Amino acid sequence: MGDDKKVSLDFLTSEEIKLMIKISDQITNKSVFEEILKVVLTNFEGVYQDLNLAKSLNSTTSLSHNEIYTLASGLHSLTLLSFKNSMNRKEMWELLTELMMRDELISTVISAFYGERLLKKDLQPVIILNITLNNGENQTFQVSLKKFHEMRCLTASLLKEVITLERNKLQKVAN
């Protein structure tokens, strides 16, 4: 990598990315890789899509469900890594070359990461909430930090009100 800074990969990230690159070597149709990358980046930007990639890509690739999801996981880790380390194009190219990704796929990643679409997006932190309903169904949704704090304050206010009402009720019963 460049002399200025060395991007450090933790073990898990490193293994996910290396496995993604190994599987990407099996891809003969570049559009399959592009489609997986598009879904990962769209999800990363906060527009969650069902990652039912395996079904939609079945006719265009011989990759298994696990391989498709491993590619998606590796690309997600790579996206996080690039933001965490504020990597520029050159550093990303050097990292992926060092990890032996094919040049045509590196070009695809670089275009997606550093093109208009992703750099112009103002990435704000969000909180992902997973709620289990009474019927056992899980609901997952995301809220901005601002909305989360509003919900937190409203919940605290409501709980305070409930406690006050219960105290008043107990005082009336005691009298």
Protein backbone atom coordinates (compact mmCIF):
# COMPACT_ATOMS: atom_id res chain seq x y z
CA MET A 1 0.00 0.00 0.00
CA GLY A 2 1.03 3.65 -0.12
CA ASP A 3 3.83 5.06 1.99
CA ASP A 4 1.54 7.59 3.69
CA LYS A 5 -0.66 5.18 5.59
CA LYS A 6 -1.24 1.49 5.84
CA VAL A 7 -4.87 0.39 6.14
CA SER A 8 -5.11 -2.12 8.91
CA LEU A 9 -7.50 -5.00 8.44
CA ASP A 10 -8.78 -6.74 11.51
CA PHE A 11 -8.89 -10.52 11.21
CA LEU A 12 -12.62 -10.85 10.55
CA THR A 13 -12.75 -8.06 7.97
CA SER A 14 -9.66 -9.40 6.31
CA GLU A 15 -11.09 -12.91 6.05
CA GLU A 16 -14.47 -11.68 4.75
CA ILE A 17 -12.81 -9.57 2.08
CA LYS A 18 -10.34 -12.30 1.08
CA LEU A 19 -13.17 -14.84 0.79
CA MET A 20 -15.21 -12.35 -1.26
CA ILE A 21 -12.26 -11.90 -3.62
CA LYS A 22 -11.75 -15.66 -3.92
CA ILE A 23 -15.40 -16.15 -4.84
CA SER A 24 -15.37 -13.16 -7.20
CA ASP A 25 -12.72 -15.00 -9.23
CA GLN A 26 -15.44 -17.51 -10.18
CA ILE A 27 -17.64 -14.80 -11.69
CA THR A 28 -17.60 -14.87 -15.47
CA ASN A 29 -20.40 -12.34 -15.89
CA LYS A 30 -19.30 -8.96 -14.49
CA SER A 31 -22.93 -7.80 -14.26
CA VAL A 32 -23.51 -10.33 -11.45
CA PHE A 33 -20.78 -8.66 -9.39
CA GLU A 34 -22.18 -5.23 -10.26
CA GLU A 35 -25.69 -6.24 -9.18
CA ILE A 36 -24.47 -7.53 -5.82
CA LEU A 37 -22.38 -4.38 -5.30
CA LYS A 38 -25.38 -2.20 -6.21
CA VAL A 39 -27.60 -3.89 -3.60
CA VAL A 40 -24.89 -3.66 -0.93
CA LEU A 41 -24.31 0.05 -1.57
CA THR A 42 -28.03 0.79 -1.72
CA ASN A 43 -28.49 -0.93 1.64
CA PHE A 44 -25.46 0.89 3.00
CA GLU A 45 -27.03 4.21 1.99
CA GLY A 46 -30.09 3.37 4.06
CA VAL A 47 -32.49 2.17 1.36
CA TYR A 48 -32.88 -1.40 2.51
CA GLN A 49 -33.64 -3.97 -0.11
CA ASP A 50 -34.35 -7.59 0.44
CA LEU A 51 -31.08 -9.36 -0.22
CA ASN A 52 -32.88 -12.04 -2.19
CA LEU A 53 -30.02 -11.88 -4.62
CA ALA A 54 -29.76 -15.61 -5.08
CA LYS A 55 -33.22 -15.85 -6.65
CA SER A 56 -32.76 -12.87 -8.94
CA LEU A 57 -29.27 -13.96 -10.03
CA ASN A 58 -30.03 -17.67 -10.42
CA SER A 59 -30.25 -17.57 -14.20
CA THR A 60 -27.10 -15.48 -14.67
CA THR A 61 -24.64 -17.24 -12.38
CA SER A 62 -23.63 -20.63 -11.10
CA LEU A 63 -22.81 -19.22 -7.65
CA SER A 64 -24.60 -20.78 -4.70
CA HIS A 65 -26.75 -18.83 -2.24
CA ASN A 66 -23.89 -18.91 0.28
CA GLU A 67 -21.38 -17.64 -2.25
CA ILE A 68 -23.65 -14.76 -3.24
CA TYR A 69 -24.18 -13.76 0.39
CA THR A 70 -20.46 -14.14 1.10
CA LEU A 71 -19.77 -11.75 -1.78
CA ALA A 72 -22.32 -9.31 -0.35
CA SER A 73 -20.82 -9.60 3.13
CA GLY A 74 -17.30 -9.02 1.84
CA LEU A 75 -18.39 -6.01 -0.20
CA HIS A 76 -20.18 -4.60 2.84
CA SER A 77 -17.02 -5.04 4.94
CA LEU A 78 -14.99 -3.38 2.20
CA THR A 79 -17.40 -0.44 2.14
CA LEU A 80 -17.15 -0.01 5.91
CA LEU A 81 -13.37 -0.31 5.73
CA SER A 82 -13.13 2.40 3.08
CA PHE A 83 -15.17 4.84 5.18
CA LYS A 84 -13.52 3.93 8.47
CA ASN A 85 -10.06 4.57 7.01
CA SER A 86 -11.09 7.44 4.69
CA MET A 87 -9.47 5.57 1.84
CA ASN A 88 -8.92 7.32 -1.47
CA ARG A 89 -9.06 5.68 -4.90
CA LYS A 90 -5.35 4.91 -4.99
CA GLU A 91 -5.34 3.27 -1.55
CA MET A 92 -8.40 1.18 -2.44
CA TRP A 93 -6.81 0.11 -5.72
CA GLU A 94 -3.57 -0.85 -3.94
CA LEU A 95 -5.43 -2.81 -1.24
CA LEU A 96 -7.52 -4.78 -3.72
CA THR A 97 -4.50 -5.38 -5.96
CA GLU A 98 -2.54 -6.60 -2.95
CA LEU A 99 -5.42 -8.96 -2.13
CA MET A 100 -5.33 -10.12 -5.78
CA MET A 101 -8.73 -9.01 -7.01
CA ARG A 102 -9.10 -8.90 -10.80
CA ASP A 103 -8.49 -5.45 -12.31
CA GLU A 104 -11.92 -5.30 -14.00
CA LEU A 105 -13.64 -5.89 -10.65
CA ILE A 106 -11.37 -3.39 -8.90
CA SER A 107 -12.45 -0.81 -11.50
CA THR A 108 -16.09 -1.62 -10.75
CA VAL A 109 -15.55 -1.19 -7.00
CA ILE A 110 -13.62 2.06 -7.46
CA SER A 111 -16.34 3.48 -9.73
CA ALA A 112 -19.07 2.54 -7.28
CA PHE A 113 -17.25 3.79 -4.19
CA TYR A 114 -15.81 7.00 -5.57
CA GLY A 115 -18.30 7.90 -8.26
CA GLU A 116 -20.95 10.60 -7.97
CA ARG A 117 -23.54 8.45 -6.24
CA LEU A 118 -21.76 7.46 -3.06
CA LEU A 119 -19.60 10.49 -2.43
CA LYS A 120 -22.51 12.91 -2.76
CA LYS A 121 -24.58 10.93 -0.25
CA ASP A 122 -24.52 12.47 3.20
CA LEU A 123 -24.22 9.36 5.34
CA GLN A 124 -25.84 9.95 8.69
CA PRO A 125 -25.75 7.45 11.53
CA VAL A 126 -28.97 5.56 12.13
CA ILE A 127 -30.23 3.22 14.79
CA ILE A 128 -31.68 -0.06 13.64
CA LEU A 129 -34.46 -1.28 15.88
CA ASN A 130 -35.60 -4.89 15.98
CA ILE A 131 -38.89 -5.37 17.79
CA THR A 132 -40.55 -8.71 18.55
CA LEU A 133 -44.33 -8.39 18.46
CA ASN A 134 -46.78 -10.32 20.66
CA ASN A 135 -47.40 -12.78 17.82
CA GLY A 136 -43.66 -13.56 17.65
CA GLU A 137 -43.09 -11.67 14.40
CA ASN A 138 -39.93 -9.55 14.22
CA GLN A 139 -40.10 -6.06 12.78
CA THR A 140 -36.89 -4.26 11.89
CA PHE A 141 -36.72 -0.59 11.02
CA GLN A 142 -34.27 2.27 11.20
CA VAL A 143 -34.54 5.73 12.69
CA SER A 144 -32.23 8.70 12.66
CA LEU A 145 -30.43 9.63 15.86
CA LYS A 146 -32.66 12.69 16.18
CA LYS A 147 -35.86 10.62 15.91
CA PHE A 148 -34.47 8.03 18.31
CA HIS A 149 -33.78 10.70 20.92
CA GLU A 150 -37.28 12.11 20.40
CA MET A 151 -38.74 8.62 20.93
CA ARG A 152 -36.55 8.11 23.99
CA CYS A 153 -37.68 11.41 25.55
CA LEU A 154 -41.34 10.70 24.76
CA THR A 155 -41.07 7.24 26.29
CA ALA A 156 -39.44 8.64 29.44
CA SER A 157 -42.15 11.29 29.67
CA LEU A 158 -44.92 8.70 29.28
CA LEU A 159 -43.36 6.43 31.91
CA LYS A 160 -43.12 9.38 34.30
CA GLU A 161 -46.80 10.13 33.67
CA VAL A 162 -47.77 6.50 34.31
CA ILE A 163 -45.84 6.50 37.59
CA THR A 164 -47.57 9.74 38.66
CA LEU A 165 -51.00 8.30 37.82
CA GLU A 166 -50.24 5.09 39.75
CA ARG A 167 -49.10 7.11 42.80
CA ASN A 168 -52.28 9.19 42.69
CA LYS A 169 -54.38 6.04 42.42
CA LEU A 170 -52.56 4.47 45.41
CA GLN A 171 -53.01 7.66 47.47
CA LYS A 172 -56.76 7.68 46.76
CA VAL A 173 -57.03 4.02 47.79
CA ALA A 174 -55.06 4.70 51.01
CA ASN A 175 -57.32 7.60 51.98
